C-alpha cells in the first residue's frame, strides 16, 4: 500500500484550504479574512487559537448544502488573490 497523506492541502500564494477526509464527512480548514468573511448560516467555527495558518473550519457532511459550502470555500480562495 502506498503513502496516504493525513490531509490534502491547496495553495495559491499560501495555504488557503486543507481537507481532512473522514469516513462520514470532510473537515475543511480555511484561511480567510476575518474582517470581510461572511458566514450567515454559521457553517464554520473559529480555529485561530490553534496557531495554524488556517483560521476557520468547515465540516461537510450529508446535512450541509453543497452550494453553501462552495461559497465559504470561494471566500478563502478569493482572499489569496
N, C-alpha and C. Protein backbone atom coordinates (compact mmCIF):
# COMPACT_ATOMS: atom_id res chain seq x y z
N UNK A 1 0.85 -1.18 0.00
CA UNK A 1 0.00 0.00 0.00
C UNK A 1 0.89 1.24 0.00
N UNK A 2 0.50 2.27 -0.74
CA UNK A 2 1.28 3.49 -0.86
C UNK A 2 1.06 4.45 0.29
N UNK A 3 1.73 5.58 0.21
CA UNK A 3 1.63 6.62 1.23
C UNK A 3 0.25 7.27 1.17
N UNK A 4 -0.38 7.44 2.30
CA UNK A 4 -1.67 8.11 2.40
C UNK A 4 -1.48 9.36 3.26
N UNK A 5 -1.59 10.55 2.66
CA UNK A 5 -1.40 11.77 3.46
C UNK A 5 -2.53 11.94 4.47
N UNK A 6 -2.24 12.67 5.54
CA UNK A 6 -3.26 12.94 6.55
C UNK A 6 -4.27 13.96 6.05
N UNK A 7 -3.85 14.79 5.09
CA UNK A 7 -4.76 15.79 4.55
C UNK A 7 -4.30 16.21 3.16
N UNK A 8 -5.17 16.92 2.48
CA UNK A 8 -4.86 17.45 1.15
C UNK A 8 -4.82 18.96 1.30
N UNK A 9 -3.72 19.56 0.87
CA UNK A 9 -3.54 21.00 1.03
C UNK A 9 -3.64 21.68 -0.33
N UNK A 10 -4.36 22.81 -0.38
CA UNK A 10 -4.47 23.62 -1.59
C UNK A 10 -3.82 24.97 -1.34
N UNK A 11 -2.97 25.37 -2.31
CA UNK A 11 -2.17 26.57 -2.15
C UNK A 11 -2.37 27.49 -3.35
N UNK A 12 -2.51 28.79 -3.10
CA UNK A 12 -2.43 29.80 -4.16
C UNK A 12 -1.09 30.50 -3.93
N UNK A 13 -1.05 31.50 -3.08
CA UNK A 13 0.22 32.08 -2.64
C UNK A 13 0.67 31.41 -1.35
N UNK A 14 -0.29 30.97 -0.59
CA UNK A 14 -0.07 30.27 0.66
C UNK A 14 -1.25 29.30 0.82
N UNK A 15 -1.23 28.51 1.85
CA UNK A 15 -2.32 27.55 2.04
C UNK A 15 -3.64 28.30 2.23
N UNK A 16 -4.63 27.97 1.41
CA UNK A 16 -5.96 28.55 1.63
C UNK A 16 -6.95 27.50 2.09
N UNK A 17 -6.63 26.21 1.90
CA UNK A 17 -7.53 25.15 2.35
C UNK A 17 -6.74 23.87 2.63
N UNK A 18 -7.15 23.18 3.67
CA UNK A 18 -6.62 21.86 3.99
C UNK A 18 -7.83 20.96 4.21
N UNK A 19 -7.88 19.85 3.48
CA UNK A 19 -9.04 18.96 3.56
C UNK A 19 -8.64 17.66 4.22
N UNK A 20 -9.33 17.33 5.30
CA UNK A 20 -9.13 16.08 6.02
C UNK A 20 -10.30 15.17 5.69
N UNK A 21 -10.01 14.02 5.13
CA UNK A 21 -11.06 13.08 4.72
C UNK A 21 -11.34 12.12 5.88
N UNK A 22 -12.59 12.07 6.27
CA UNK A 22 -13.05 11.15 7.30
C UNK A 22 -14.08 10.20 6.68
N UNK A 23 -14.44 9.18 7.39
CA UNK A 23 -15.36 8.17 6.85
C UNK A 23 -16.73 8.76 6.49
N UNK A 24 -17.28 9.63 7.33
CA UNK A 24 -18.62 10.14 7.14
C UNK A 24 -18.68 11.62 6.73
N UNK A 25 -17.54 12.31 6.70
CA UNK A 25 -17.55 13.74 6.40
C UNK A 25 -16.16 14.21 5.98
N UNK A 26 -16.09 15.45 5.56
CA UNK A 26 -14.83 16.14 5.27
C UNK A 26 -14.69 17.27 6.28
N UNK A 27 -13.48 17.50 6.72
CA UNK A 27 -13.18 18.68 7.53
C UNK A 27 -12.32 19.57 6.65
N UNK A 28 -12.81 20.76 6.36
CA UNK A 28 -12.08 21.69 5.51
C UNK A 28 -11.64 22.88 6.36
N UNK A 29 -10.34 23.02 6.49
CA UNK A 29 -9.78 24.13 7.25
C UNK A 29 -9.39 25.22 6.25
N UNK A 30 -9.81 26.45 6.54
CA UNK A 30 -9.66 27.55 5.58
C UNK A 30 -8.93 28.73 6.18
N UNK A 31 -8.17 29.42 5.33
CA UNK A 31 -7.57 30.70 5.72
C UNK A 31 -8.44 31.78 5.10
N UNK A 32 -9.07 32.56 5.93
CA UNK A 32 -9.99 33.59 5.45
C UNK A 32 -9.66 34.93 6.08
N UNK A 33 -10.20 35.97 5.50
CA UNK A 33 -10.07 37.33 6.01
C UNK A 33 -11.21 37.55 7.00
N UNK A 34 -10.91 37.53 8.28
CA UNK A 34 -11.96 37.65 9.31
C UNK A 34 -12.80 38.92 9.16
N UNK A 35 -12.19 40.00 8.71
CA UNK A 35 -12.93 41.27 8.62
C UNK A 35 -13.99 41.25 7.53
N UNK A 36 -13.74 40.52 6.44
CA UNK A 36 -14.67 40.52 5.31
C UNK A 36 -15.38 39.19 5.12
N UNK A 37 -15.20 38.26 6.05
CA UNK A 37 -15.77 36.93 5.93
C UNK A 37 -17.27 36.96 6.22
N UNK A 38 -18.03 36.23 5.41
CA UNK A 38 -19.48 36.15 5.59
C UNK A 38 -19.89 34.68 5.74
N UNK A 39 -20.51 34.37 6.85
CA UNK A 39 -20.99 33.02 7.13
C UNK A 39 -22.35 33.13 7.83
N UNK A 40 -23.38 33.61 7.10
CA UNK A 40 -24.68 33.86 7.74
C UNK A 40 -25.34 32.61 8.32
N UNK A 41 -25.03 31.44 7.78
CA UNK A 41 -25.64 30.20 8.29
C UNK A 41 -24.78 29.55 9.38
N UNK A 42 -23.69 30.22 9.76
CA UNK A 42 -22.81 29.72 10.83
C UNK A 42 -22.33 28.29 10.57
N UNK A 43 -21.82 28.06 9.35
CA UNK A 43 -21.34 26.74 8.96
C UNK A 43 -19.92 26.45 9.44
N UNK A 44 -19.18 27.51 9.77
CA UNK A 44 -17.78 27.33 10.17
C UNK A 44 -17.60 27.64 11.65
N UNK A 45 -16.45 27.23 12.16
CA UNK A 45 -16.11 27.60 13.53
C UNK A 45 -14.69 28.15 13.53
N UNK A 46 -14.43 29.00 14.49
CA UNK A 46 -13.13 29.66 14.63
C UNK A 46 -12.11 28.68 15.20
N UNK A 47 -10.98 28.50 14.49
CA UNK A 47 -9.89 27.65 14.99
C UNK A 47 -8.58 28.44 15.07
N UNK A 48 -8.68 29.76 15.11
CA UNK A 48 -7.48 30.60 15.12
C UNK A 48 -6.62 30.38 16.37
N UNK A 49 -7.22 29.90 17.45
CA UNK A 49 -6.48 29.65 18.69
C UNK A 49 -5.44 28.55 18.55
N UNK A 50 -5.51 27.75 17.48
CA UNK A 50 -4.57 26.64 17.28
C UNK A 50 -3.19 27.13 16.82
N UNK A 51 -3.14 28.36 16.31
CA UNK A 51 -1.86 28.89 15.85
C UNK A 51 -1.43 28.36 14.49
N UNK A 52 -2.35 27.83 13.71
CA UNK A 52 -2.05 27.32 12.37
C UNK A 52 -2.29 28.41 11.35
N UNK A 53 -1.83 28.21 10.11
CA UNK A 53 -2.09 29.21 9.05
C UNK A 53 -3.58 29.34 8.72
N UNK A 54 -4.35 28.29 8.94
CA UNK A 54 -5.78 28.33 8.67
C UNK A 54 -6.51 28.81 9.93
N UNK A 55 -7.68 29.47 9.75
CA UNK A 55 -8.35 30.03 10.93
C UNK A 55 -9.85 29.73 11.02
N UNK A 56 -10.41 29.02 10.05
CA UNK A 56 -11.82 28.61 10.13
C UNK A 56 -11.92 27.14 9.72
N UNK A 57 -12.91 26.45 10.29
CA UNK A 57 -13.12 25.04 9.98
C UNK A 57 -14.55 24.83 9.51
N UNK A 58 -14.69 24.12 8.43
CA UNK A 58 -15.99 23.80 7.84
C UNK A 58 -16.13 22.29 7.78
N UNK A 59 -17.17 21.76 8.37
CA UNK A 59 -17.42 20.32 8.33
C UNK A 59 -18.48 20.06 7.25
N UNK A 60 -18.11 19.25 6.28
CA UNK A 60 -19.01 18.93 5.17
C UNK A 60 -19.48 17.48 5.34
N UNK A 61 -20.78 17.33 5.52
CA UNK A 61 -21.36 16.00 5.63
C UNK A 61 -22.67 15.96 4.83
N UNK A 62 -23.43 14.91 4.98
CA UNK A 62 -24.65 14.76 4.19
C UNK A 62 -25.71 15.81 4.50
N UNK A 63 -25.56 16.52 5.61
CA UNK A 63 -26.56 17.51 6.01
C UNK A 63 -26.27 18.93 5.52
N UNK A 64 -25.11 19.16 4.96
CA UNK A 64 -24.75 20.51 4.54
C UNK A 64 -25.15 20.72 3.08
N UNK A 65 -25.59 21.91 2.78
CA UNK A 65 -25.94 22.28 1.42
C UNK A 65 -24.64 22.61 0.68
N UNK A 66 -24.30 21.83 -0.34
CA UNK A 66 -23.02 21.99 -1.04
C UNK A 66 -22.83 23.39 -1.61
N UNK A 67 -23.83 24.03 -2.21
CA UNK A 67 -23.61 25.41 -2.68
C UNK A 67 -23.20 26.36 -1.55
N UNK A 68 -23.73 26.16 -0.35
CA UNK A 68 -23.31 26.99 0.80
C UNK A 68 -21.84 26.75 1.13
N UNK A 69 -21.42 25.50 1.10
CA UNK A 69 -20.02 25.16 1.37
C UNK A 69 -19.10 25.78 0.30
N UNK A 70 -19.52 25.74 -0.95
CA UNK A 70 -18.73 26.31 -2.03
C UNK A 70 -18.57 27.82 -1.85
N UNK A 71 -19.61 28.51 -1.41
CA UNK A 71 -19.50 29.94 -1.15
C UNK A 71 -18.45 30.25 -0.07
N UNK A 72 -18.41 29.43 0.96
CA UNK A 72 -17.43 29.60 2.04
C UNK A 72 -16.02 29.35 1.51
N UNK A 73 -15.84 28.25 0.79
CA UNK A 73 -14.52 27.90 0.24
C UNK A 73 -14.05 28.97 -0.74
N UNK A 74 -14.96 29.47 -1.55
CA UNK A 74 -14.61 30.52 -2.52
C UNK A 74 -14.09 31.78 -1.83
N UNK A 75 -14.63 32.12 -0.67
CA UNK A 75 -14.14 33.28 0.07
C UNK A 75 -12.67 33.10 0.46
N UNK A 76 -12.31 31.89 0.88
CA UNK A 76 -10.91 31.61 1.24
C UNK A 76 -10.02 31.70 0.01
N UNK A 77 -10.50 31.18 -1.11
CA UNK A 77 -9.73 31.22 -2.36
C UNK A 77 -9.54 32.67 -2.81
N UNK A 78 -10.58 33.45 -2.81
CA UNK A 78 -10.50 34.85 -3.25
C UNK A 78 -9.61 35.68 -2.34
N UNK A 79 -9.56 35.35 -1.06
CA UNK A 79 -8.72 36.06 -0.12
C UNK A 79 -7.25 35.94 -0.49
N UNK A 80 -6.87 34.88 -1.17
CA UNK A 80 -5.48 34.64 -1.55
C UNK A 80 -5.07 35.39 -2.81
N UNK A 81 -6.01 36.01 -3.50
CA UNK A 81 -5.67 36.75 -4.74
C UNK A 81 -5.46 38.20 -4.48
